[in-house]
Amino acid sequence: DDRLIEARADMSERVELHTHIDDGDGVMKMRHVPDGFAIPAGQSH
């Protein structure tokens, strides 16, 4: 298993890993994911 933990790009002041989450009100909101994204062995994300 591996994990995407960060990203960098020189054309922006900041780069973050984000996701969309339903906070329970039916509206999707973008959120920073500080722990990154799991990339399981033999799979894709």
Full PDB file with SEQRES, HELIX, SHEET, SSBOND, CRYST1, ORIGX, SCALE, CONECT and MASTER records, all heavy atoms in Angstrom:
SEQRES   1 A   45  ASP ASP ARG LEU ILE GLU ALA ARG ALA ASP MET SER GLU          
SEQRES   2 A   45  ARG VAL GLU LEU HIS THR HIS ILE ASP ASP GLY ASP GLY          
SEQRES   3 A   45  VAL MET LYS MET ARG HIS VAL PRO ASP GLY PHE ALA ILE          
SEQRES   4 A   45  PRO ALA GLY GLN SER HIS                                      
SHEET    1 AA1 2 ASP A   2  LEU A   4  0                                        
SHEET    2 AA1 2 PHE A  37  ILE A  39 -1                                        
SHEET    1 AA2 2 HIS A  18  ASP A  22  0                                        
SHEET    2 AA2 2 MET A  28  HIS A  32 -1                                        
CRYST1    1.000    1.000    1.000  90.00  90.00  90.00 P 1           1          
ORIGX1      1.000000  0.000000  0.000000        0.00000                         
ORIGX2      0.000000  1.000000  0.000000        0.00000                         
ORIGX3      0.000000  0.000000  1.000000        0.00000                         
SCALE1      1.000000  0.000000  0.000000        0.00000                         
SCALE2      0.000000  1.000000  0.000000        0.00000                         
SCALE3      0.000000  0.000000  1.000000        0.00000                         
ATOM      1  N   ASP A   1       0.845  -1.192   0.000  1.00  0.00           N  
ATOM      2  CA  ASP A   1       0.000   0.000   0.000  1.00  0.00           C  
ATOM      3  C   ASP A   1       0.882   1.243   0.000  1.00  0.00           C  
ATOM      4  O   ASP A   1       1.999   1.228   0.504  1.00  0.00           O  
ATOM      5  CB  ASP A   1      -0.891   0.044   1.247  1.00  0.00           C  
ATOM      6  CG  ASP A   1      -1.932  -1.072   1.282  1.00  0.00           C  
ATOM      7  OD1 ASP A   1      -2.120  -1.749   0.252  1.00  0.00           O  
ATOM      8  OD2 ASP A   1      -2.537  -1.254   2.345  1.00  0.00           O  
ATOM      9  N   ASP A   2       0.376   2.321  -0.576  1.00  0.00           N  
ATOM     10  CA  ASP A   2       1.072   3.605  -0.557  1.00  0.00           C  
ATOM     11  C   ASP A   2       0.039   4.682  -0.275  1.00  0.00           C  
ATOM     12  O   ASP A   2      -1.157   4.387  -0.140  1.00  0.00           O  
ATOM     13  CB  ASP A   2       1.804   3.858  -1.880  1.00  0.00           C  
ATOM     14  CG  ASP A   2       3.040   4.746  -1.719  1.00  0.00           C  
ATOM     15  OD1 ASP A   2       3.121   5.514  -0.732  1.00  0.00           O  
ATOM     16  OD2 ASP A   2       3.920   4.684  -2.589  1.00  0.00           O  
ATOM     17  N   ARG A   3       0.482   5.911  -0.160  1.00  0.00           N  
ATOM     18  CA  ARG A   3      -0.428   7.016   0.145  1.00  0.00           C  
ATOM     19  C   ARG A   3       0.106   8.279  -0.521  1.00  0.00           C  
ATOM     20  O   ARG A   3       1.287   8.600  -0.387  1.00  0.00           O  
ATOM     21  CB  ARG A   3      -0.514   7.215   1.657  1.00  0.00           C  
ATOM     22  CG  ARG A   3      -1.384   8.386   2.097  1.00  0.00           C  
ATOM     23  CD  ARG A   3      -1.544   8.435   3.604  1.00  0.00           C  
ATOM     24  NE  ARG A   3      -2.333   7.319   4.091  1.00  0.00           N  
ATOM     25  CZ  ARG A   3      -3.669   7.298   4.123  1.00  0.00           C  
ATOM     26  NH1 ARG A   3      -4.356   8.338   3.714  1.00  0.00           N  
ATOM     27  NH2 ARG A   3      -4.315   6.250   4.584  1.00  0.00           N  
ATOM     28  N   LEU A   4      -0.777   8.970  -1.250  1.00  0.00           N  
ATOM     29  CA  LEU A   4      -0.456  10.300  -1.771  1.00  0.00           C  
ATOM     30  C   LEU A   4      -0.597  11.262  -0.601  1.00  0.00           C  
ATOM     31  O   LEU A   4      -1.683  11.396  -0.029  1.00  0.00           O  
ATOM     32  CB  LEU A   4      -1.405  10.686  -2.909  1.00  0.00           C  
ATOM     33  CG  LEU A   4      -1.242  12.099  -3.468  1.00  0.00           C  
ATOM     34  CD1 LEU A   4       0.137  12.289  -4.091  1.00  0.00           C  
ATOM     35  CD2 LEU A   4      -2.340  12.374  -4.492  1.00  0.00           C  
ATOM     36  N   ILE A   5       0.508  11.904  -0.189  1.00  0.00           N  
ATOM     37  CA  ILE A   5       0.475  12.728   1.018  1.00  0.00           C  
ATOM     38  C   ILE A   5       0.614  14.221   0.745  1.00  0.00           C  
ATOM     39  O   ILE A   5       0.320  15.038   1.623  1.00  0.00           O  
ATOM     40  CB  ILE A   5       1.550  12.288   2.028  1.00  0.00           C  
ATOM     41  CG1 ILE A   5       2.940  12.303   1.391  1.00  0.00           C  
ATOM     42  CG2 ILE A   5       1.215  10.935   2.613  1.00  0.00           C  
ATOM     43  CD1 ILE A   5       4.086  12.072   2.375  1.00  0.00           C  
ATOM     44  N   GLU A   6       1.036  14.589  -0.451  1.00  0.00           N  
ATOM     45  CA  GLU A   6       1.251  16.010  -0.741  1.00  0.00           C  
ATOM     46  C   GLU A   6       1.377  16.193  -2.244  1.00  0.00           C  
ATOM     47  O   GLU A   6       1.660  15.254  -2.978  1.00  0.00           O  
ATOM     48  CB  GLU A   6       2.544  16.469  -0.050  1.00  0.00           C  
ATOM     49  CG  GLU A   6       2.808  17.936  -0.106  1.00  0.00           C  
ATOM     50  CD  GLU A   6       4.131  18.313   0.582  1.00  0.00           C  
ATOM     51  OE1 GLU A   6       4.681  17.486   1.339  1.00  0.00           O  
ATOM     52  OE2 GLU A   6       4.602  19.434   0.347  1.00  0.00           O  
ATOM     53  N   ALA A   7       1.194  17.441  -2.691  1.00  0.00           N  
ATOM     54  CA  ALA A   7       1.426  17.795  -4.081  1.00  0.00           C  
ATOM     55  C   ALA A   7       2.021  19.199  -4.111  1.00  0.00           C  
ATOM     56  O   ALA A   7       1.767  20.012  -3.221  1.00  0.00           O  
ATOM     57  CB  ALA A   7       0.127  17.737  -4.884  1.00  0.00           C  
ATOM     58  N   ARG A   8       2.806  19.472  -5.155  1.00  0.00           N  
ATOM     59  CA  ARG A   8       3.418  20.788  -5.336  1.00  0.00           C  
ATOM     60  C   ARG A   8       3.306  21.209  -6.788  1.00  0.00           C  
ATOM     61  O   ARG A   8       3.372  20.366  -7.681  1.00  0.00           O  
ATOM     62  CB  ARG A   8       4.897  20.754  -4.955  1.00  0.00           C  
ATOM     63  CG  ARG A   8       5.132  20.751  -3.478  1.00  0.00           C  
ATOM     64  CD  ARG A   8       6.607  20.816  -3.179  1.00  0.00           C  
ATOM     65  NE  ARG A   8       6.862  19.558  -2.500  1.00  0.00           N  
ATOM     66  CZ  ARG A   8       7.971  18.866  -2.504  1.00  0.00           C  
ATOM     67  NH1 ARG A   8       8.993  19.279  -3.137  1.00  0.00           N  
ATOM     68  NH2 ARG A   8       8.084  17.744  -1.860  1.00  0.00           N  
ATOM     69  N   ALA A   9       3.166  22.512  -6.988  1.00  0.00           N  
ATOM     70  CA  ALA A   9       3.157  23.080  -8.338  1.00  0.00           C  
ATOM     71  C   ALA A   9       3.593  24.528  -8.225  1.00  0.00           C  
ATOM     72  O   ALA A   9       3.162  25.234  -7.309  1.00  0.00           O  
ATOM     73  CB  ALA A   9       1.764  22.978  -8.956  1.00  0.00           C  
ATOM     74  N   ASP A  10       4.427  24.978  -9.152  1.00  0.00           N  
ATOM     75  CA  ASP A  10       4.973  26.325  -9.029  1.00  0.00           C  
ATOM     76  C   ASP A  10       4.044  27.421  -9.549  1.00  0.00           C  
ATOM     77  O   ASP A  10       4.360  28.593  -9.413  1.00  0.00           O  
ATOM     78  CB  ASP A  10       6.338  26.422  -9.704  1.00  0.00           C  
ATOM     79  CG  ASP A  10       6.280  26.202 -11.204  1.00  0.00           C  
ATOM     80  OD1 ASP A  10       5.184  26.014 -11.767  1.00  0.00           O  
ATOM     81  OD2 ASP A  10       7.355  26.210 -11.837  1.00  0.00           O  
ATOM     82  N   MET A  11       2.894  27.069 -10.095  1.00  0.00           N  
ATOM     83  CA  MET A  11       1.993  28.086 -10.634  1.00  0.00           C  
ATOM     84  C   MET A  11       0.898  28.483  -9.648  1.00  0.00           C  
ATOM     85  O   MET A  11      -0.041  29.181 -10.002  1.00  0.00           O  
ATOM     86  CB  MET A  11       1.414  27.654 -11.984  1.00  0.00           C  
ATOM     87  CG  MET A  11       0.213  26.755 -11.941  1.00  0.00           C  
ATOM     88  SD  MET A  11       0.582  25.198 -11.176  1.00  0.00           S  
ATOM     89  CE  MET A  11      -0.851  24.305 -11.599  1.00  0.00           C  
ATOM     90  N   SER A  12       1.035  28.052  -8.380  1.00  0.00           N  
ATOM     91  CA  SER A  12       0.073  28.462  -7.366  1.00  0.00           C  
ATOM     92  C   SER A  12       0.784  28.673  -6.032  1.00  0.00           C  
ATOM     93  O   SER A  12       1.829  28.079  -5.773  1.00  0.00           O  
ATOM     94  CB  SER A  12      -1.064  27.441  -7.214  1.00  0.00           C  
ATOM     95  OG  SER A  12      -0.587  26.227  -6.708  1.00  0.00           O  
ATOM     96  N   GLU A  13       0.182  29.525  -5.217  1.00  0.00           N  
ATOM     97  CA  GLU A  13       0.774  29.830  -3.918  1.00  0.00           C  
ATOM     98  C   GLU A  13       0.737  28.619  -2.991  1.00  0.00           C  
ATOM     99  O   GLU A  13       1.653  28.417  -2.205  1.00  0.00           O  
ATOM    100  CB  GLU A  13       0.050  31.014  -3.280  1.00  0.00           C  
ATOM    101  CG  GLU A  13       0.247  32.306  -4.044  1.00  0.00           C  
ATOM    102  CD  GLU A  13      -0.652  33.434  -3.575  1.00  0.00           C  
ATOM    103  OE1 GLU A  13      -1.380  33.269  -2.570  1.00  0.00           O  
ATOM    104  OE2 GLU A  13      -0.618  34.498  -4.213  1.00  0.00           O  
ATOM    105  N   ARG A  14      -0.324  27.838  -3.093  1.00  0.00           N  
ATOM    106  CA  ARG A  14      -0.502  26.656  -2.251  1.00  0.00           C  
ATOM    107  C   ARG A  14      -1.119  25.532  -3.068  1.00  0.00           C  
ATOM    108  O   ARG A  14      -1.914  25.780  -3.969  1.00  0.00           O  
ATOM    109  CB  ARG A  14      -1.470  26.995  -1.102  1.00  0.00           C  
ATOM    110  CG  ARG A  14      -0.855  26.990   0.237  1.00  0.00           C  
ATOM    111  CD  ARG A  14      -1.763  27.389   1.401  1.00  0.00           C  
ATOM    112  NE  ARG A  14      -3.148  27.021   1.367  1.00  0.00           N  
ATOM    113  CZ  ARG A  14      -4.154  27.898   1.350  1.00  0.00           C  
ATOM    114  NH1 ARG A  14      -3.942  29.181   1.345  1.00  0.00           N  
ATOM    115  NH2 ARG A  14      -5.391  27.468   1.354  1.00  0.00           N  
ATOM    116  N   VAL A  15      -0.778  24.311  -2.718  1.00  0.00           N  
ATOM    117  CA  VAL A  15      -1.388  23.136  -3.339  1.00  0.00           C  
ATOM    118  C   VAL A  15      -1.833  22.224  -2.200  1.00  0.00           C  
ATOM    119  O   VAL A  15      -1.071  21.955  -1.282  1.00  0.00           O  
ATOM    120  CB  VAL A  15      -0.399  22.395  -4.263  1.00  0.00           C  
ATOM    121  CG1 VAL A  15      -1.071  21.185  -4.901  1.00  0.00           C  
ATOM    122  CG2 VAL A  15       0.160  23.326  -5.327  1.00  0.00           C  
ATOM    123  N   GLU A  16      -3.087  21.782  -2.254  1.00  0.00           N  
ATOM    124  CA  GLU A  16      -3.633  20.911  -1.216  1.00  0.00           C  
ATOM    125  C   GLU A  16      -4.340  19.729  -1.859  1.00  0.00           C  
ATOM    126  O   GLU A  16      -4.803  19.808  -2.996  1.00  0.00           O  
ATOM    127  CB  GLU A  16      -4.637  21.666  -0.336  1.00  0.00           C  
ATOM    128  CG  GLU A  16      -4.038  22.793   0.469  1.00  0.00           C  
ATOM    129  CD  GLU A  16      -5.050  23.521   1.337  1.00  0.00           C  
ATOM    130  OE1 GLU A  16      -6.271  23.256   1.218  1.00  0.00           O  
ATOM    131  OE2 GLU A  16      -4.619  24.366   2.140  1.00  0.00           O  
ATOM    132  N   LEU A  17      -4.441  18.658  -1.095  1.00  0.00           N  
ATOM    133  CA  LEU A  17      -5.257  17.511  -1.497  1.00  0.00           C  
ATOM    134  C   LEU A  17      -6.644  17.747  -0.923  1.00  0.00           C  
ATOM    135  O   LEU A  17      -6.784  18.006   0.272  1.00  0.00           O  
ATOM    136  CB  LEU A  17      -4.643  16.220  -0.972  1.00  0.00           C  
ATOM    137  CG  LEU A  17      -3.208  15.959  -1.430  1.00  0.00           C  
ATOM    138  CD1 LEU A  17      -2.663  14.695  -0.783  1.00  0.00           C  
ATOM    139  CD2 LEU A  17      -3.112  15.884  -2.941  1.00  0.00           C  
ATOM    140  N   HIS A  18      -7.666  17.690  -1.776  1.00  0.00           N  
ATOM    141  CA  HIS A  18      -9.039  18.002  -1.374  1.00  0.00           C  
ATOM    142  C   HIS A  18      -9.987  16.866  -1.707  1.00  0.00           C  
ATOM    143  O   HIS A  18      -9.725  16.051  -2.577  1.00  0.00           O  
ATOM    144  CB  HIS A  18      -9.531  19.252  -2.114  1.00  0.00           C  
ATOM    145  CG  HIS A  18      -9.122  20.534  -1.486  1.00  0.00           C  
ATOM    146  ND1 HIS A  18      -9.796  21.711  -1.686  1.00  0.00           N  
ATOM    147  CD2 HIS A  18      -8.107  20.852  -0.653  1.00  0.00           C  
ATOM    148  CE1 HIS A  18      -9.215  22.684  -1.011  1.00  0.00           C  
ATOM    149  NE2 HIS A  18      -8.181  22.187  -0.380  1.00  0.00           N  
ATOM    150  N   THR A  19     -11.123  16.881  -1.031  1.00  0.00           N  
ATOM    151  CA  THR A  19     -12.234  15.989  -1.343  1.00  0.00           C  
ATOM    152  C   THR A  19     -13.530  16.763  -1.161  1.00  0.00           C  
ATOM    153  O   THR A  19     -13.529  17.888  -0.660  1.00  0.00           O  
ATOM    154  CB  THR A  19     -12.220  14.723  -0.464  1.00  0.00           C  
ATOM    155  OG1 THR A  19     -13.105  13.754  -1.037  1.00  0.00           O  
ATOM    156  CG2 THR A  19     -12.619  15.016   0.974  1.00  0.00           C  
ATOM    157  N   HIS A  20     -14.633  16.175  -1.564  1.00  0.00           N  
ATOM    158  CA  HIS A  20     -15.962  16.737  -1.336  1.00  0.00           C  
ATOM    159  C   HIS A  20     -16.663  15.878  -0.284  1.00  0.00           C  
ATOM    160  O   HIS A  20     -16.638  14.651  -0.379  1.00  0.00           O  
ATOM    161  CB  HIS A  20     -16.787  16.742  -2.626  1.00  0.00           C  
ATOM    162  CG  HIS A  20     -16.370  17.816  -3.573  1.00  0.00           C  
ATOM    163  ND1 HIS A  20     -15.328  17.658  -4.442  1.00  0.00           N  
ATOM    164  CD2 HIS A  20     -16.841  19.067  -3.775  1.00  0.00           C  
ATOM    165  CE1 HIS A  20     -15.183  18.768  -5.155  1.00  0.00           C  
ATOM    166  NE2 HIS A  20     -16.081  19.629  -4.766  1.00  0.00           N  
ATOM    167  N   ILE A  21     -17.267  16.540   0.695  1.00  0.00           N  
ATOM    168  CA  ILE A  21     -17.946  15.844   1.796  1.00  0.00           C  
ATOM    169  C   ILE A  21     -19.336  16.420   1.974  1.00  0.00           C  
ATOM    170  O   ILE A  21     -19.517  17.639   1.920  1.00  0.00           O  
ATOM    171  CB  ILE A  21     -17.151  16.004   3.111  1.00  0.00           C  
ATOM    172  CG1 ILE A  21     -15.783  15.330   2.979  1.00  0.00           C  
ATOM    173  CG2 ILE A  21     -17.912  15.449   4.297  1.00  0.00           C  
ATOM    174  CD1 ILE A  21     -14.851  15.579   4.144  1.00  0.00           C  
ATOM    175  N   ASP A  22     -20.309  15.550   2.204  1.00  0.00           N  
ATOM    176  CA  ASP A  22     -21.664  15.985   2.544  1.00  0.00           C  
ATOM    177  C   ASP A  22     -21.708  16.175   4.051  1.00  0.00           C  
ATOM    178  O   ASP A  22     -21.586  15.228   4.819  1.00  0.00           O  
ATOM    179  CB  ASP A  22     -22.688  14.930   2.098  1.00  0.00           C  
ATOM    180  CG  ASP A  22     -24.126  15.353   2.343  1.00  0.00           C  
ATOM    181  OD1 ASP A  22     -24.367  16.306   3.120  1.00  0.00           O  
ATOM    182  OD2 ASP A  22     -25.016  14.711   1.762  1.00  0.00           O  
ATOM    183  N   ASP A  23     -21.859  17.417   4.482  1.00  0.00           N  
ATOM    184  CA  ASP A  23     -21.891  17.726   5.916  1.00  0.00           C  
ATOM    185  C   ASP A  23     -23.229  17.396   6.560  1.00  0.00           C  
ATOM    186  O   ASP A  23     -23.487  17.784   7.693  1.00  0.00           O  
ATOM    187  CB  ASP A  23     -21.570  19.206   6.151  1.00  0.00           C  
ATOM    188  CG  ASP A  23     -20.078  19.483   6.061  1.00  0.00           C  
ATOM    189  OD1 ASP A  23     -19.285  18.532   6.180  1.00  0.00           O  
ATOM    190  OD2 ASP A  23     -19.706  20.658   5.880  1.00  0.00           O  
ATOM    191  N   GLY A  24     -24.094  16.691   5.850  1.00  0.00           N  
ATOM    192  CA  GLY A  24     -25.377  16.282   6.408  1.00  0.00           C  
ATOM    193  C   GLY A  24     -26.535  17.152   5.964  1.00  0.00           C  
ATOM    194  O   GLY A  24     -27.685  16.827   6.201  1.00  0.00           O  
ATOM    195  N   ASP A  25     -26.224  18.266   5.300  1.00  0.00           N  
ATOM    196  CA  ASP A  25     -27.288  19.155   4.840  1.00  0.00           C  
ATOM    197  C   ASP A  25     -27.602  18.955   3.357  1.00  0.00           C  
ATOM    198  O   ASP A  25     -28.346  19.714   2.765  1.00  0.00           O  
ATOM    199  CB  ASP A  25     -26.932  20.614   5.123  1.00  0.00           C  
ATOM    200  CG  ASP A  25     -25.617  21.044   4.489  1.00  0.00           C  
ATOM    201  OD1 ASP A  25     -25.033  20.243   3.730  1.00  0.00           O  
ATOM    202  OD2 ASP A  25     -25.174  22.178   4.750  1.00  0.00           O  
ATOM    203  N   GLY A  26     -27.005  17.912   2.770  1.00  0.00           N  
ATOM    204  CA  GLY A  26     -27.262  17.615   1.364  1.00  0.00           C  
ATOM    205  C   GLY A  26     -26.413  18.429   0.401  1.00  0.00           C  
ATOM    206  O   GLY A  26     -26.503  18.250  -0.800  1.00  0.00           O  
ATOM    207  N   VAL A  27     -25.574  19.320   0.913  1.00  0.00           N  
ATOM    208  CA  VAL A  27     -24.716  20.151   0.077  1.00  0.00           C  
ATOM    209  C   VAL A  27     -23.285  19.643   0.193  1.00  0.00           C  
ATOM    210  O   VAL A  27     -22.762  19.490   1.295  1.00  0.00           O  
ATOM    211  CB  VAL A  27     -24.796  21.637   0.503  1.00  0.00           C  
ATOM    212  CG1 VAL A  27     -23.855  22.483  -0.335  1.00  0.00           C  
ATOM    213  CG2 VAL A  27     -26.228  22.152   0.391  1.00  0.00           C  
ATOM    214  N   MET A  28     -22.672  19.373  -0.942  1.00  0.00           N  
ATOM    215  CA  MET A  28     -21.284  18.904  -0.946  1.00  0.00           C  
ATOM    216  C   MET A  28     -20.357  20.093  -0.726  1.00  0.00           C  
ATOM    217  O   MET A  28     -20.503  21.133  -1.368  1.00  0.00           O  
ATOM    218  CB  MET A  28     -20.960  18.223  -2.271  1.00  0.00           C  
ATOM    219  CG  MET A  28     -21.803  16.985  -2.543  1.00  0.00           C  
ATOM    220  SD  MET A  28     -21.629  15.697  -1.309  1.00  0.00           S  
ATOM    221  CE  MET A  28     -20.063  15.022  -1.769  1.00  0.00           C  
ATOM    222  N   LYS A  29     -19.401  19.922   0.187  1.00  0.00           N  
ATOM    223  CA  LYS A  29     -18.441  20.977   0.498  1.00  0.00           C  
ATOM    224  C   LYS A  29     -17.038  20.425   0.323  1.00  0.00           C  
ATOM    225  O   LYS A  29     -16.756  19.289   0.681  1.00  0.00           O  
ATOM    226  CB  LYS A  29     -18.647  21.473   1.924  1.00  0.00           C  
ATOM    227  CG  LYS A  29     -19.996  22.125   2.088  1.00  0.00           C  
ATOM    228  CD  LYS A  29     -20.208  22.634   3.488  1.00  0.00           C  
ATOM    229  CE  LYS A  29     -21.584  23.288   3.516  1.00  0.00           C  
ATOM    230  NZ  LYS A  29     -22.288  23.089   4.720  1.00  0.00           N  
ATOM    231  N   MET A  30     -16.166  21.283  -0.220  1.00  0.00           N  
ATOM    232  CA  MET A  30     -14.796  20.889  -0.421  1.00  0.00           C  
ATOM    233  C   MET A  30     -14.027  20.980   0.899  1.00  0.00           C  
ATOM    234  O   MET A  30     -14.200  21.923   1.657  1.00  0.00           O  
ATOM    235  CB  MET A  30     -14.136  21.798  -1.454  1.00  0.00           C  
ATOM    236  CG  MET A  30     -13.189  21.090  -2.328  1.00  0.00           C  
ATOM    237  SD  MET A  30     -12.462  22.078  -3.643  1.00  0.00           S  
ATOM    238  CE  MET A  30     -13.516  23.455  -3.879  1.00  0.00           C  
ATOM    239  N   ARG A  31     -13.179  19.978   1.151  1.00  0.00           N  
ATOM    240  CA  ARG A  31     -12.386  19.940   2.378  1.00  0.00           C  
ATOM    241  C   ARG A  31     -10.956  19.500   2.076  1.00  0.00           C  
ATOM    242  O   ARG A  31     -10.739  18.603   1.252  1.00  0.00           O  
ATOM    243  CB  ARG A  31     -12.977  18.933   3.380  1.00  0.00           C  
ATOM    244  CG  ARG A  31     -14.326  19.298   3.904  1.00  0.00           C  
ATOM    245  CD  ARG A  31     -14.204  20.400   4.958  1.00  0.00           C  
ATOM    246  NE  ARG A  31     -15.485  20.637   5.597  1.00  0.00           N  
ATOM    247  CZ  ARG A  31     -16.242  21.681   5.347  1.00  0.00           C  
ATOM    248  NH1 ARG A  31     -15.873  22.579   4.476  1.00  0.00           N  
ATOM    249  NH2 ARG A  31     -17.397  21.845   5.975  1.00  0.00           N  
ATOM    250  N   HIS A  32     -10.014  20.116   2.774  1.00  0.00           N  
ATOM    251  CA  HIS A  32      -8.611  19.704   2.714  1.00  0.00           C  
ATOM    252  C   HIS A  32      -8.474  18.343   3.405  1.00  0.00           C  
ATOM    253  O   HIS A  32      -9.103  18.099   4.436  1.00  0.00           O  
ATOM    254  CB  HIS A  32      -7.758  20.759   3.423  1.00  0.00           C  
ATOM    255  CG  HIS A  32      -6.325  20.388   3.576  1.00  0.00           C  
ATOM    256  ND1 HIS A  32      -5.502  20.109   2.516  1.00  0.00           N  
ATOM    257  CD2 HIS A  32      -5.564  20.238   4.685  1.00  0.00           C  
ATOM    258  CE1 HIS A  32      -4.294  19.819   2.959  1.00  0.00           C  
ATOM    259  NE2 HIS A  32      -4.300  19.881   4.285  1.00  0.00           N  
ATOM    260  N   VAL A  33      -7.676  17.453   2.832  1.00  0.00           N  
ATOM    261  CA  VAL A  33      -7.446  16.120   3.397  1.00  0.00           C  
ATOM    262  C   VAL A  33      -5.965  16.044   3.793  1.00  0.00           C  
ATOM    263  O   VAL A  33      -5.117  15.654   2.986  1.00  0.00           O  
ATOM    264  CB  VAL A  33      -7.801  15.007   2.383  1.00  0.00           C  
ATOM    265  CG1 VAL A  33      -7.613  13.631   3.004  1.00  0.00           C  
ATOM    266  CG2 VAL A  33      -9.216  15.172   1.863  1.00  0.00           C  
ATOM    267  N   PRO A  34      -5.644  16.451   5.024  1.00  0.00           N  
ATOM    268  CA  PRO A  34      -4.233  16.505   5.428  1.00  0.00           C  
ATOM    269  C   PRO A  34      -3.526  15.152   5.439  1.00  0.00           C  
ATOM    270  O   PRO A  34      -2.307  15.089   5.275  1.00  0.00           O  
ATOM    271  CB  PRO A  34      -4.270  17.118   6.829  1.00  0.00           C  
ATOM    272  CG  PRO A  34      -5.677  17.023   7.287  1.00  0.00           C  
ATOM    273  CD  PRO A  34      -6.549  16.890   6.081  1.00  0.00           C  
ATOM    274  N   ASP A  35      -4.266  14.061   5.613  1.00  0.00           N  
ATOM    275  CA  ASP A  35      -3.653  12.723   5.623  1.00  0.00           C  
ATOM    276  C   ASP A  35      -3.473  12.147   4.223  1.00  0.00           C  
ATOM    277  O   ASP A  35      -2.884  11.080   4.067  1.00  0.00           O  
ATOM    278  CB  ASP A  35      -4.495  11.757   6.457  1.00  0.00           C  
ATOM    279  CG  ASP A  35      -4.490  12.120   7.929  1.00  0.00           C  
ATOM    280  OD1 ASP A  35      -3.529  12.777   8.377  1.00  0.00           O  
ATOM    281  OD2 ASP A  35      -5.449  11.756   8.624  1.00  0.00           O  
ATOM    282  N   GLY A  36      -3.992  12.828   3.214  1.00  0.00           N  
ATOM    283  CA  GLY A  36      -3.841  12.372   1.842  1.00  0.00           C  
ATOM    284  C   GLY A  36      -4.776  11.233   1.485  1.00  0.00           C  
ATOM    285  O   GLY A  36      -5.763  10.974   2.170  1.00  0.00           O  
ATOM    286  N   PHE A  37      -4.436  10.534   0.396  1.00  0.00           N  
ATOM    287  CA  PHE A  37      -5.289   9.490  -0.157  1.00  0.00           C  
ATOM    288  C   PHE A  37      -4.548   8.157  -0.198  1.00  0.00           C  
ATOM    289  O   PHE A  37      -3.450   8.068  -0.746  1.00  0.00           O  
ATOM    290  CB  PHE A  37      -5.741   9.849  -1.574  1.00  0.00           C  
ATOM    291  CG  PHE A  37      -6.363  11.209  -1.689  1.00  0.00           C  
ATOM    292  CD1 PHE A  37      -5.853  12.146  -2.579  1.00  0.00           C  
ATOM    293  CD2 PHE A  37      -7.449  11.572  -0.910  1.00  0.00           C  
ATOM    294  CE1 PHE A  37      -6.424  13.399  -2.695  1.00  0.00           C  
ATOM    295  CE2 PHE A  37      -8.030  12.821  -1.013  1.00  0.00           C  
ATOM    296  CZ  PHE A  37      -7.505  13.746  -1.909  1.00  0.00           C  
ATOM    297  N   ALA A  38      -5.173   7.137   0.349  1.00  0.00           N  
ATOM    298  CA  ALA A  38      -4.600   5.791   0.318  1.00  0.00           C  
ATOM    299  C   ALA A  38      -4.664   5.257  -1.108  1.00  0.00           C  
ATOM    300  O   ALA A  38      -5.673   5.423  -1.808  1.00  0.00           O  
ATOM    301  CB  ALA A  38      -5.364   4.868   1.257  1.00  0.00           C  
ATOM    302  N   ILE A  39      -3.567   4.621  -1.529  1.00  0.00           N  
ATOM    303  CA  ILE A  39      -3.503   3.951  -2.827  1.00  0.00           C  
ATOM    304  C   ILE A  39      -3.150   2.491  -2.523  1.00  0.00           C  
ATOM    305  O   ILE A  39      -1.983   2.127  -2.416  1.00  0.00           O  
ATOM    306  CB  ILE A  39      -2.438   4.579  -3.761  1.00  0.00           C  
ATOM    307  CG1 ILE A  39      -2.443   6.110  -3.719  1.00  0.00           C  
ATOM    308  CG2 ILE A  39      -2.594   4.032  -5.177  1.00  0.00           C  
ATOM    309  CD1 ILE A  39      -3.685   6.769  -4.264  1.00  0.00           C  
ATOM    310  N   PRO A  40      -4.175   1.640  -2.336  1.00  0.00           N  
ATOM    311  CA  PRO A  40      -3.927   0.246  -1.946  1.00  0.00           C  
ATOM    312  C   PRO A  40      -3.125  -0.521  -3.004  1.00  0.00           C  
ATOM    313  O   PRO A  40      -3.229  -0.247  -4.207  1.00  0.00           O  
ATOM    314  CB  PRO A  40      -5.333  -0.345  -1.809  1.00  0.00           C  
ATOM    315  CG  PRO A  40      -6.241   0.829  -1.659  1.00  0.00           C  
ATOM    316  CD  PRO A  40      -5.601   1.942  -2.432  1.00  0.00           C  
ATOM    317  N   ALA A  41      -2.350  -1.474  -2.555  1.00  0.00           N  
ATOM    318  CA  ALA A  41      -1.569  -2.324  -3.454  1.00  0.00           C  
ATOM    319  C   ALA A  41      -2.488  -3.002  -4.463  1.00  0.00           C  
ATOM    320  O   ALA A  41      -3.559  -3.491  -4.109  1.00  0.00           O  
ATOM    321  CB  ALA A  41      -0.819  -3.378  -2.639  1.00  0.00           C  
ATOM    322  N   GLY A  42      -2.066  -2.976  -5.725  1.00  0.00           N  
ATOM    323  CA  GLY A  42      -2.828  -3.643  -6.770  1.00  0.00           C  
ATOM    324  C   GLY A  42      -4.125  -2.952  -7.146  1.00  0.00           C  
ATOM    325  O   GLY A  42      -4.936  -3.512  -7.878  1.00  0.00           O  
ATOM    326  N   GLN A  43      -4.342  -1.722  -6.678  1.00  0.00           N  
ATOM    327  CA  GLN A  43      -5.576  -1.002  -6.977  1.00  0.00           C  
ATOM    328  C   GLN A  43      -5.269   0.396  -7.487  1.00  0.00           C  
ATOM    329  O   GLN A  43      -4.121   0.799  -7.595  1.00  0.00           O  
ATOM    330  CB  GLN A  43      -6.451  -0.934  -5.728  1.00  0.00           C  
ATOM    331  CG  GLN A  43      -6.926  -2.287  -5.250  1.00  0.00           C  
ATOM    332  CD  GLN A  43      -7.838  -2.185  -4.049  1.00  0.00           C  
ATOM    333  OE1 GLN A  43      -8.622  -1.249  -3.927  1.00  0.00           O  
ATOM    334  NE2 GLN A  43      -7.722  -3.138  -3.140  1.00  0.00           N  
ATOM    335  N   SER A  44      -6.328   1.135  -7.791  1.00  0.00           N  
ATOM    336  CA  SER A  44      -6.159   2.511  -8.263  1.00  0.00           C  
ATOM    337  C   SER A  44      -7.087   3.432  -7.483  1.00  0.00           C  
ATOM    338  O   SER A  44      -8.019   2.980  -6.819  1.00  0.00           O  
ATOM    339  CB  SER A  44      -6.442   2.601  -9.765  1.00  0.00           C  
ATOM    340  OG  SER A  44      -7.767   2.220 -10.042  1.00  0.00           O  
ATOM    341  N   HIS A  45      -6.792   4.699  -7.571  1.00  0.00           N  
ATOM    342  CA  HIS A  45      -7.597   5.726  -6.902  1.00  0.00           C  
ATOM    343  C   HIS A  45      -7.812   6.859  -7.896  1.00  0.00           C  
ATOM    344  O   HIS A  45      -6.851   7.361  -8.476  1.00  0.00           O  
ATOM    345  CB  HIS A  45      -6.859   6.229  -5.665  1.00  0.00           C  
ATOM    346  CG  HIS A  45      -7.674   7.175  -4.834  1.00  0.00           C  
ATOM    347  ND1 HIS A  45      -8.602   6.738  -3.912  1.00  0.00           N  
ATOM    348  CD2 HIS A  45      -7.716   8.530  -4.805  1.00  0.00           C  
ATOM    349  CE1 HIS A  45      -9.164   7.787  -3.341  1.00  0.00           C  
ATOM    350  NE2 HIS A  45      -8.651   8.878  -3.868  1.00  0.00           N  
TER     351      HIS A  45                                                      
MASTER        0    0    0    0    4    0    0    6  350    1    0    4          
END                                                                             
